[in-house]
Amino acid sequence: MSEEDGASNRRKALEVVVSGHVQGVGYRFFCQRKAHKYGIGGWARNCPDGTVQVRAFGFDEAVEKFVVDLGKGPRFGRVDDVLVRDISETNTAILNEFSIK
């Protein structure tokens, strides 16, 4: 196994905050569908300020693809900004399912 192959097998944990027209347009369900597609665990929830907060746990490459899709959003939504923060260093339990809060 090359070093490059090993990098794609590492797990990553991210917190993502998405702003724009992302509430009331199925954005959290969009997140859940994409998470299932990539084998991502975690959750998505609406925040009082109109953003959607997402926690994502999975393999590096899958999480990166997931974040790219979060920047696109569902058909009736509009994503203005995607803020990503690595939370891998925190003592966070790795989740296997993706839920909507």
Protein backbone atom coordinates (compact mmCIF):
# COMPACT_ATOMS: atom_id res chain seq x y z
CA MET A 1 0.00 0.00 0.00
CA SER A 2 1.42 3.38 -0.95
CA GLU A 3 1.42 6.40 1.35
CA GLU A 4 -1.19 7.96 -0.91
CA ASP A 5 -3.51 4.96 -0.43
CA GLY A 6 -3.10 5.22 3.32
CA ALA A 7 -4.13 8.88 3.27
CA SER A 8 -7.48 8.02 1.66
CA ASN A 9 -8.13 5.46 4.42
CA ARG A 10 -7.79 7.98 7.25
CA ARG A 11 -10.92 9.12 9.01
CA LYS A 12 -11.86 12.77 9.23
CA ALA A 13 -14.35 14.70 11.35
CA LEU A 14 -15.60 18.11 10.26
CA GLU A 15 -18.07 20.73 11.38
CA VAL A 16 -19.61 22.60 8.46
CA VAL A 17 -21.79 25.71 8.66
CA VAL A 18 -23.69 26.51 5.47
CA SER A 19 -25.31 29.89 4.86
CA GLY A 20 -27.65 31.16 2.17
CA HIS A 21 -31.21 30.07 1.44
CA VAL A 22 -30.73 26.70 3.16
CA GLN A 23 -33.75 26.37 5.46
CA GLY A 24 -37.17 25.33 4.21
CA VAL A 25 -35.76 23.97 0.93
CA GLY A 26 -34.90 20.39 1.92
CA TYR A 27 -31.24 21.13 2.59
CA ARG A 28 -30.95 18.77 5.59
CA PHE A 29 -32.55 15.93 3.60
CA PHE A 30 -30.12 16.73 0.76
CA CYS A 31 -27.28 16.37 3.30
CA GLN A 32 -28.65 13.03 4.46
CA ARG A 33 -28.91 11.66 0.89
CA LYS A 34 -25.35 12.75 0.09
CA ALA A 35 -24.06 11.32 3.38
CA HIS A 36 -25.60 7.94 2.53
CA LYS A 37 -24.05 8.14 -0.95
CA TYR A 38 -20.55 8.63 0.50
CA GLY A 39 -20.87 6.50 3.65
CA ILE A 40 -20.68 9.54 5.95
CA GLY A 41 -21.95 9.52 9.54
CA GLY A 42 -23.06 12.56 11.48
CA TRP A 43 -25.99 14.96 11.49
CA ALA A 44 -27.47 18.19 10.12
CA ARG A 45 -29.58 20.75 11.95
CA ASN A 46 -31.11 24.17 11.37
CA CYS A 47 -29.68 27.00 13.45
CA PRO A 48 -31.61 30.06 14.71
CA ASP A 49 -29.49 32.40 12.53
CA GLY A 50 -30.75 30.74 9.31
CA THR A 51 -27.68 28.58 8.70
CA VAL A 52 -27.45 24.80 8.69
CA GLN A 53 -24.82 23.14 10.87
CA VAL A 54 -23.46 19.76 9.75
CA ARG A 55 -21.17 17.30 11.50
CA ALA A 56 -19.56 14.78 9.17
CA PHE A 57 -17.47 11.71 10.03
CA GLY A 58 -15.90 9.43 7.45
CA PHE A 59 -12.92 8.64 5.30
CA ASP A 60 -10.92 11.64 4.01
CA GLU A 61 -11.83 11.36 0.34
CA ALA A 62 -15.53 10.73 1.01
CA VAL A 63 -15.77 13.66 3.44
CA GLU A 64 -14.10 15.98 0.93
CA LYS A 65 -16.58 14.97 -1.80
CA PHE A 66 -19.44 15.42 0.67
CA VAL A 67 -18.30 18.98 1.48
CA VAL A 68 -18.12 19.82 -2.25
CA ASP A 69 -21.75 18.67 -2.61
CA LEU A 70 -22.78 20.71 0.45
CA GLY A 71 -21.56 23.76 -1.43
CA LYS A 72 -23.96 23.01 -4.28
CA GLY A 73 -27.07 22.31 -2.21
CA PRO A 74 -30.51 21.18 -3.37
CA ARG A 75 -32.28 22.51 -6.45
CA PHE A 76 -34.48 25.02 -4.60
CA GLY A 77 -31.79 26.23 -2.22
CA ARG A 78 -28.93 28.68 -2.59
CA VAL A 79 -25.60 28.27 -0.85
CA ASP A 80 -23.72 31.52 -0.24
CA ASP A 81 -20.93 30.28 2.02
CA VAL A 82 -19.56 27.04 3.46
CA LEU A 83 -17.37 27.32 6.56
CA VAL A 84 -15.44 24.15 7.39
CA ARG A 85 -13.68 23.40 10.66
CA ASP A 86 -11.69 20.27 11.41
CA ILE A 87 -12.90 18.67 14.64
CA SER A 88 -10.77 15.54 14.34
CA GLU A 89 -8.71 16.53 17.35
CA THR A 90 -11.75 16.63 19.62
CA ASN A 91 -12.88 13.59 21.55
CA THR A 92 -15.89 13.02 19.29
CA ALA A 93 -17.52 9.64 18.91
CA ILE A 94 -17.51 8.47 15.31
CA LEU A 95 -21.05 8.01 14.08
CA ASN A 96 -22.05 5.48 11.44
CA GLU A 97 -25.49 6.92 10.67
CA PHE A 98 -26.48 10.36 9.43
CA SER A 99 -29.45 11.97 11.14
CA ILE A 100 -31.49 15.13 10.86
CA LYS A 101 -31.91 17.06 14.08
